[in-house]
Amino acid sequence: MLTDLRLRDFRCFENLAVDLARGTNFFLGLNGQGKTTILEAACVLLRLQSQRVSSLAPAIQVGKNSFGLRGIFDGHELEFRYGRLQRRVTFDRVEQRTFQEYLRIARVVSFANSDIELVHGGSDARRRYLDFLGTQINVTYRPTLRAYERALRARNALLKSLMPRTRERAAYDSMLLHHGAQLLRLRQEIAAILAPSATAAYARISGGHETLELQFLPGASEDFRRDLVHSREEEARLRQTVVGPHRDDFELRIDGMRAPQYASEGQQRSAALALKIAQAEAFHRFSDKTAPLLLIDDIFGELDPERRNALLDHLPLNSQKLITATAMPWRSEITADAIYELRDRQPVRERRT
């Protein structure tokens, strides 16, 4: 459990300290008070990445050169300092040269209104969803992903040159094929883990009246090399790699119909919730039964009471939750261990009566 969180020069906060309860923590306040930033800081501290954006540079407060995050998680002291030129990670006051052991300590699942993009948005969001899970349950996933991204950037740079030499191109193809085949296999495994859990979660949310199917759509066939050869003409025209895991996707169907085209907004939101519940269940199964930290960012206002209750009823029981909202008209329906109201960007803890 994350029992202490401290921010320095992180987005709108110059200095902030929050002592968190071990169960359900609510952060209430108007938009612009920094509720989402607190959740983001927890994610960045534990996972060294944001659930909101791909780059951490914008999180550095305007006019500053770096940010710092500290916290206590399950009795361990964590610290992450990030600057434009360097980053520093310490675990129990010992600086970490590699992040593998550090990243094993905690798992995070983030719920947000933008999750509906997983259903009707572009494939980038769905790949990030797979990657966010993969990097947390498989220690080889992150280095494999980074290696493929490097190989892809290098090959695309070569394709942009006027006349890439055959021997040079073969070398770049070899790197892409090697790392791409590994990443493709890992994503297929992740999708296979998620699919039945998402189906079961959607059935619970919908009361069993509808079915959800998740089908992985690989960006290359089992014969990746052949796909590259067959795409030569299109690559020459576009000057970029057109097949490979960077084109991976998955499709969602509700009662056999493609969700982006035929599902209602309510059904799409239910499908997005099912995907996140499946993610949480996967963490619980693949990390010594340890429940993930759940970051639930201002989504209750968009959910009707049935979907809200279905979400709360099917989250891991022993998970710590950080939840934001602008108001809590449904407060009596939820047991909260701590409620903070943000005033002038400072959290004031509500006293229990």
Protein backbone atom coordinates (compact mmCIF):
# COMPACT_ATOMS: atom_id res chain seq x y z
CA MET A 1 0.00 0.00 0.00
CA LEU A 2 1.12 3.54 -0.73
CA THR A 3 0.93 5.29 2.64
CA ASP A 4 2.88 8.45 1.94
CA LEU A 5 3.24 10.57 -1.19
CA ARG A 6 5.31 13.73 -1.64
CA LEU A 7 5.61 15.91 -4.73
CA ARG A 8 8.13 18.60 -5.61
CA ASP A 9 7.83 20.80 -8.71
CA PHE A 10 5.42 18.30 -10.27
CA ARG A 11 2.93 20.03 -12.58
CA CYS A 12 0.90 22.51 -10.50
CA PHE A 13 2.44 21.51 -7.16
CA GLU A 14 5.61 23.13 -5.89
CA ASN A 15 5.42 21.07 -2.70
CA LEU A 16 2.73 18.66 -1.60
CA ALA A 17 2.54 15.93 1.04
CA VAL A 18 -0.36 13.47 1.32
CA ASP A 19 -0.67 10.73 3.93
CA LEU A 20 -2.85 8.08 2.33
CA ALA A 21 -5.19 5.58 3.94
CA ARG A 22 -4.65 1.93 3.13
CA GLY A 23 -8.10 1.44 1.63
CA THR A 24 -10.26 3.89 -0.32
CA ASN A 25 -9.11 7.51 -0.62
CA PHE A 26 -11.34 10.17 -2.17
CA PHE A 27 -10.05 13.50 -3.49
CA LEU A 28 -12.79 16.07 -4.02
CA GLY A 29 -12.50 19.47 -5.63
CA LEU A 30 -13.24 21.65 -8.60
CA ASN A 31 -11.41 21.14 -11.87
CA GLY A 32 -7.95 22.68 -11.85
CA GLN A 33 -7.24 21.89 -8.18
CA GLY A 34 -4.77 19.11 -9.00
CA LYS A 35 -6.79 15.97 -8.26
CA THR A 36 -5.64 14.16 -11.39
CA THR A 37 -2.06 15.29 -10.78
CA ILE A 38 -2.01 13.48 -7.42
CA LEU A 39 -3.07 10.26 -9.12
CA GLU A 40 -0.52 10.77 -11.87
CA ALA A 41 2.24 11.32 -9.30
CA ALA A 42 1.39 8.00 -7.64
CA CYS A 43 1.61 6.22 -10.98
CA VAL A 44 4.89 7.89 -11.97
CA LEU A 45 6.48 7.10 -8.62
CA LEU A 46 5.52 3.42 -8.76
CA ARG A 47 5.85 2.73 -12.50
CA LEU A 48 8.25 5.48 -13.72
CA GLN A 49 5.70 6.34 -16.38
CA SER A 50 2.51 8.36 -16.59
CA GLN A 51 -0.91 6.88 -17.23
CA ARG A 52 -1.79 10.12 -19.04
CA VAL A 53 1.04 10.95 -21.45
CA SER A 54 4.01 9.19 -23.04
CA SER A 55 6.64 11.78 -22.01
CA LEU A 56 7.37 12.94 -18.47
CA ALA A 57 8.99 16.21 -19.54
CA PRO A 58 5.70 18.20 -19.46
CA ALA A 59 5.23 17.17 -15.81
CA ILE A 60 8.16 19.37 -14.78
CA GLN A 61 6.72 22.57 -13.33
CA VAL A 62 7.09 25.60 -15.59
CA GLY A 63 10.36 27.39 -14.87
CA LYS A 64 11.94 24.41 -13.09
CA ASN A 65 14.54 21.92 -14.33
CA SER A 66 13.29 18.75 -12.65
CA PHE A 67 10.64 17.20 -10.44
CA GLY A 68 10.91 14.88 -7.46
CA LEU A 69 8.52 12.26 -6.09
CA ARG A 70 8.86 10.31 -2.84
CA GLY A 71 6.69 7.78 -1.09
CA ILE A 72 6.43 4.77 1.20
CA PHE A 73 5.05 1.60 -0.38
CA ASP A 74 4.67 -1.53 1.77
CA GLY A 75 7.34 -0.17 4.10
CA HIS A 76 9.86 0.58 1.34
CA GLU A 77 11.08 4.12 0.71
CA LEU A 78 10.83 5.07 -2.97
CA GLU A 79 12.18 8.17 -4.68
CA PHE A 80 12.19 9.27 -8.31
CA ARG A 81 13.86 12.42 -9.58
CA TYR A 82 13.39 13.35 -13.20
CA GLY A 83 15.17 16.10 -15.09
CA ARG A 84 15.51 17.02 -18.71
CA LEU A 85 19.02 15.54 -18.78
CA GLN A 86 18.89 12.71 -16.24
CA ARG A 87 16.71 10.59 -13.98
CA ARG A 88 17.51 9.09 -10.57
CA VAL A 89 15.69 6.21 -8.90
CA THR A 90 16.32 5.12 -5.31
CA PHE A 91 14.91 2.15 -3.41
CA ASP A 92 15.32 2.26 0.37
CA ARG A 93 17.85 5.08 -0.18
CA VAL A 94 19.97 2.96 -2.53
CA GLU A 95 20.30 4.33 -6.06
CA GLN A 96 19.18 1.86 -8.72
CA ARG A 97 21.27 1.46 -11.85
CA THR A 98 18.57 -0.62 -13.49
CA PHE A 99 14.85 -0.37 -12.80
CA GLN A 100 13.86 -4.04 -12.96
CA GLU A 101 13.74 -4.71 -9.21
CA TYR A 102 12.21 -1.31 -8.46
CA LEU A 103 9.35 -1.91 -10.89
CA ARG A 104 8.48 -5.25 -9.33
CA ILE A 105 7.21 -3.69 -6.12
CA ALA A 106 3.85 -2.34 -7.31
CA ARG A 107 1.19 -2.65 -10.00
CA VAL A 108 -1.13 0.15 -11.11
CA VAL A 109 -4.45 0.26 -12.97
CA SER A 110 -5.85 3.60 -14.09
CA PHE A 111 -9.53 4.33 -14.82
CA ALA A 112 -10.43 7.58 -16.60
CA ASN A 113 -13.18 9.04 -18.78
CA SER A 114 -10.82 8.84 -21.73
CA ASP A 115 -10.87 5.02 -21.43
CA ILE A 116 -13.77 5.01 -23.87
CA GLU A 117 -11.08 5.66 -26.49
CA LEU A 118 -10.10 2.02 -26.01
CA VAL A 119 -13.38 1.17 -27.73
CA HIS A 120 -13.85 3.79 -30.44
CA GLY A 121 -10.47 5.53 -30.62
CA GLY A 122 -7.37 4.82 -32.66
CA SER A 123 -5.19 1.74 -32.30
CA ASP A 124 -2.48 3.70 -30.43
CA ALA A 125 -4.63 3.73 -27.27
CA ARG A 126 -5.22 -0.02 -27.43
CA ARG A 127 -1.52 -0.76 -27.89
CA ARG A 128 -0.70 1.46 -24.89
CA TYR A 129 -3.30 -0.49 -22.88
CA LEU A 130 -1.61 -3.80 -23.77
CA ASP A 131 1.84 -2.36 -23.10
CA PHE A 132 0.86 -0.87 -19.73
CA LEU A 133 -0.23 -4.34 -18.62
CA GLY A 134 2.63 -6.20 -20.29
CA THR A 135 5.37 -4.11 -18.71
CA GLN A 136 3.94 -4.81 -15.26
CA ILE A 137 3.54 -8.60 -15.40
CA ASN A 138 6.46 -9.68 -17.61
CA VAL A 139 10.00 -8.48 -16.90
CA THR A 140 11.05 -9.01 -20.53
CA TYR A 141 8.23 -6.90 -21.96
CA ARG A 142 9.67 -3.42 -21.42
CA PRO A 143 13.15 -4.14 -22.86
CA THR A 144 11.57 -5.99 -25.79
CA LEU A 145 9.25 -3.08 -26.52
CA ARG A 146 12.07 -0.53 -26.31
CA ALA A 147 14.32 -2.66 -28.54
CA TYR A 148 11.59 -2.93 -31.18
CA GLU A 149 10.92 0.81 -31.06
CA ARG A 150 14.63 1.52 -31.59
CA ALA A 151 14.80 -0.92 -34.50
CA LEU A 152 11.67 0.61 -36.04
CA ARG A 153 13.00 4.17 -35.77
CA ALA A 154 16.31 3.15 -37.31
CA ARG A 155 14.65 1.30 -40.18
CA ASN A 156 12.26 4.17 -40.89
CA ALA A 157 15.20 6.57 -40.98
CA LEU A 158 16.87 4.29 -43.53
CA LEU A 159 13.71 4.14 -45.66
CA LYS A 160 13.62 7.93 -45.79
CA SER A 161 17.04 7.98 -47.48
CA LEU A 162 16.95 8.13 -51.27
CA MET A 163 18.60 4.81 -52.14
CA PRO A 164 19.02 2.42 -49.18
CA ARG A 165 21.59 -0.27 -50.03
CA THR A 166 20.38 -3.87 -50.09
CA ARG A 167 22.96 -5.12 -47.58
CA GLU A 168 22.26 -2.24 -45.21
CA ARG A 169 18.53 -2.78 -45.49
CA ALA A 170 18.94 -6.49 -44.72
CA ALA A 171 20.72 -5.65 -41.47
CA TYR A 172 17.92 -3.32 -40.38
CA ASP A 173 15.32 -5.90 -41.42
CA SER A 174 17.04 -8.50 -39.25
CA MET A 175 16.84 -6.32 -36.12
CA LEU A 176 13.19 -5.47 -36.78
CA LEU A 177 12.25 -9.11 -37.37
CA HIS A 178 14.05 -10.34 -34.26
CA HIS A 179 12.58 -7.86 -31.80
CA GLY A 180 9.24 -7.67 -33.61
CA ALA A 181 8.63 -11.42 -33.39
CA GLN A 182 9.29 -11.32 -29.65
CA LEU A 183 6.97 -8.35 -29.08
CA LEU A 184 4.24 -9.88 -31.21
CA ARG A 185 4.37 -13.09 -29.17
CA LEU A 186 4.22 -11.17 -25.88
CA ARG A 187 1.22 -9.10 -27.00
CA GLN A 188 -0.60 -12.21 -28.17
CA GLU A 189 -0.06 -13.72 -24.73
CA ILE A 190 -1.35 -10.57 -23.02
CA ALA A 191 -4.46 -10.50 -25.23
CA ALA A 192 -5.12 -14.17 -24.47
CA ILE A 193 -4.97 -13.39 -20.74
CA LEU A 194 -7.29 -10.40 -21.03
CA ALA A 195 -9.96 -11.76 -23.37
CA PRO A 196 -11.78 -14.17 -21.02
CA SER A 197 -11.53 -11.78 -18.07
CA ALA A 198 -12.96 -8.90 -20.12
CA THR A 199 -15.81 -11.13 -21.30
CA ALA A 200 -16.62 -12.17 -17.73
CA ALA A 201 -16.37 -8.60 -16.41
CA TYR A 202 -18.70 -7.27 -19.10
CA ALA A 203 -21.22 -10.01 -18.33
CA ARG A 204 -21.25 -8.90 -14.68
CA ILE A 205 -21.63 -5.23 -15.60
CA SER A 206 -24.44 -5.89 -18.09
CA GLY A 207 -26.23 -8.35 -15.84
CA GLY A 208 -25.51 -11.15 -18.28
CA HIS A 209 -27.73 -9.67 -20.97
CA GLU A 210 -24.91 -9.06 -23.49
CA THR A 211 -21.58 -10.62 -24.42
CA LEU A 212 -18.24 -8.94 -25.12
CA GLU A 213 -15.53 -10.48 -27.29
CA LEU A 214 -11.91 -9.31 -27.60
CA GLN A 215 -9.97 -10.41 -30.66
CA PHE A 216 -6.28 -9.59 -31.14
CA LEU A 217 -5.38 -8.24 -34.59
CA PRO A 218 -1.63 -8.65 -35.18
CA GLY A 219 0.20 -6.10 -37.31
CA ALA A 220 2.05 -8.91 -39.05
CA SER A 221 1.38 -12.55 -39.81
CA GLU A 222 3.37 -15.49 -38.44
CA ASP A 223 5.64 -15.03 -41.47
CA PHE A 224 6.79 -11.50 -40.63
CA ARG A 225 9.71 -11.73 -43.08
CA ARG A 226 7.40 -12.51 -45.98
CA ASP A 227 5.17 -9.59 -44.99
CA LEU A 228 8.17 -7.25 -45.14
CA VAL A 229 9.10 -8.50 -48.61
CA HIS A 230 5.55 -8.09 -49.88
CA SER A 231 5.35 -4.55 -48.51
CA ARG A 232 8.44 -3.27 -50.39
CA GLU A 233 6.45 -1.29 -52.93
CA GLU A 234 4.25 0.42 -50.34
CA GLU A 235 7.29 1.16 -48.16
CA ALA A 236 9.05 2.78 -51.10
CA ARG A 237 6.03 4.99 -51.66
CA LEU A 238 5.43 5.93 -48.01
CA ARG A 239 9.07 5.69 -46.86
CA GLN A 240 8.14 3.97 -43.64
CA THR A 241 7.61 0.47 -42.26
CA VAL A 242 4.01 -0.56 -42.88
CA VAL A 243 3.84 -4.00 -41.21
CA GLY A 244 4.86 -5.10 -37.74
CA PRO A 245 3.81 -4.89 -34.08
CA HIS A 246 3.54 -1.09 -34.31
CA ARG A 247 0.33 -1.86 -36.24
CA ASP A 248 -1.03 -4.32 -33.65
CA ASP A 249 -4.62 -3.77 -32.53
CA PHE A 250 -7.55 -5.57 -30.98
CA GLU A 251 -11.23 -5.52 -31.83
CA LEU A 252 -14.18 -5.47 -29.46
CA ARG A 253 -17.56 -6.93 -30.36
CA ILE A 254 -20.76 -6.80 -28.34
CA ASP A 255 -23.22 -9.56 -29.20
CA GLY A 256 -21.18 -10.16 -32.34
CA MET A 257 -21.36 -6.55 -33.57
CA ARG A 258 -18.32 -4.27 -33.79
CA ALA A 259 -18.51 -2.02 -30.74
CA PRO A 260 -17.17 1.24 -32.29
CA GLN A 261 -19.85 1.24 -34.98
CA TYR A 262 -22.87 -0.34 -33.32
CA ALA A 263 -22.62 -0.07 -29.53
CA SER A 264 -24.34 2.70 -27.59
CA GLU A 265 -22.26 5.07 -25.47
CA GLY A 266 -23.37 3.19 -22.36
CA GLN A 267 -22.28 -0.11 -23.87
CA GLN A 268 -18.95 1.39 -24.91
CA ARG A 269 -18.33 2.71 -21.40
CA SER A 270 -19.20 -0.71 -19.99
CA ALA A 271 -16.74 -2.32 -22.40
CA ALA A 272 -14.01 0.12 -21.33
CA LEU A 273 -14.71 -0.66 -17.66
CA ALA A 274 -14.55 -4.38 -18.44
CA LEU A 275 -11.11 -3.92 -20.02
CA LYS A 276 -9.79 -2.16 -16.94
CA ILE A 277 -11.33 -4.68 -14.54
CA ALA A 278 -9.69 -7.43 -16.61
CA GLN A 279 -6.38 -5.59 -16.28
CA ALA A 280 -6.76 -5.44 -12.48
CA GLU A 281 -7.62 -9.14 -12.32
CA ALA A 282 -4.59 -10.01 -14.45
CA PHE A 283 -2.31 -8.15 -12.04
CA HIS A 284 -3.88 -9.98 -9.13
CA ARG A 285 -3.24 -13.37 -10.77
CA PHE A 286 0.28 -12.72 -12.02
CA SER A 287 1.87 -10.83 -9.12
CA ASP A 288 1.69 -13.20 -6.12
CA LYS A 289 -1.98 -12.36 -5.58
CA THR A 290 -1.03 -8.78 -4.71
CA ALA A 291 -3.82 -6.38 -5.62
CA PRO A 292 -2.85 -3.38 -7.76
CA LEU A 293 -3.16 0.25 -6.78
CA LEU A 294 -6.30 1.56 -8.51
CA LEU A 295 -6.40 5.14 -9.79
CA ILE A 296 -10.00 6.10 -10.57
CA ASP A 297 -10.09 9.56 -12.07
CA ASP A 298 -13.42 11.41 -12.11
CA ILE A 299 -15.40 8.70 -13.89
CA PHE A 300 -18.36 8.30 -11.54
CA GLY A 301 -20.08 11.40 -12.88
CA GLU A 302 -20.25 9.72 -16.30
CA LEU A 303 -21.67 6.44 -14.99
CA ASP A 304 -25.24 5.64 -14.11
CA PRO A 305 -25.75 4.08 -10.65
CA GLU A 306 -25.86 0.53 -12.01
CA ARG A 307 -22.53 0.79 -13.81
CA ARG A 308 -20.97 2.63 -10.86
CA ASN A 309 -22.07 -0.09 -8.45
CA ALA A 310 -20.98 -2.84 -10.84
CA LEU A 311 -17.52 -1.29 -11.05
CA LEU A 312 -17.12 -0.98 -7.28
CA ASP A 313 -18.49 -4.46 -6.64
CA HIS A 314 -16.02 -6.16 -8.97
CA LEU A 315 -12.76 -4.44 -8.13
CA PRO A 316 -10.22 -6.48 -6.14
CA LEU A 317 -11.40 -6.32 -2.53
CA ASN A 318 -7.98 -5.71 -0.96
CA SER A 319 -6.83 -3.09 -3.45
CA GLN A 320 -5.95 0.44 -2.43
CA LYS A 321 -7.98 3.02 -4.34
CA LEU A 322 -7.33 6.69 -5.09
CA ILE A 323 -10.53 8.20 -6.47
CA THR A 324 -11.20 11.74 -7.68
CA ALA A 325 -14.53 13.49 -8.10
CA THR A 326 -15.86 17.03 -8.29
CA ALA A 327 -18.70 16.09 -5.93
CA MET A 328 -20.07 13.03 -4.12
CA PRO A 329 -23.87 13.04 -4.19
CA TRP A 330 -23.63 9.24 -3.89
CA ARG A 331 -21.38 9.39 -0.79
CA SER A 332 -23.74 7.25 1.30
CA GLU A 333 -23.30 4.37 -1.17
CA ILE A 334 -19.53 4.09 -0.67
CA THR A 335 -17.32 3.31 2.30
CA ALA A 336 -14.32 5.67 2.27
CA ASP A 337 -11.29 5.33 4.53
CA ALA A 338 -10.19 8.92 3.84
CA ILE A 339 -11.79 11.88 2.10
CA TYR A 340 -9.72 14.89 1.09
CA GLU A 341 -11.11 18.16 -0.17
CA LEU A 342 -8.69 20.19 -2.27
CA ARG A 343 -8.76 23.89 -1.42
CA ASP A 344 -6.26 26.22 -3.06
CA ARG A 345 -4.49 23.08 -4.31
CA GLN A 346 -3.99 21.70 -0.81
CA PRO A 347 -5.75 18.51 0.35
CA VAL A 348 -7.66 18.92 3.62
CA ARG A 349 -8.62 15.61 5.19
CA GLU A 350 -12.21 15.34 6.34
CA ARG A 351 -12.55 14.35 9.97
CA ARG A 352 -14.45 11.17 10.69
CA THR A 353 -17.39 11.57 13.03
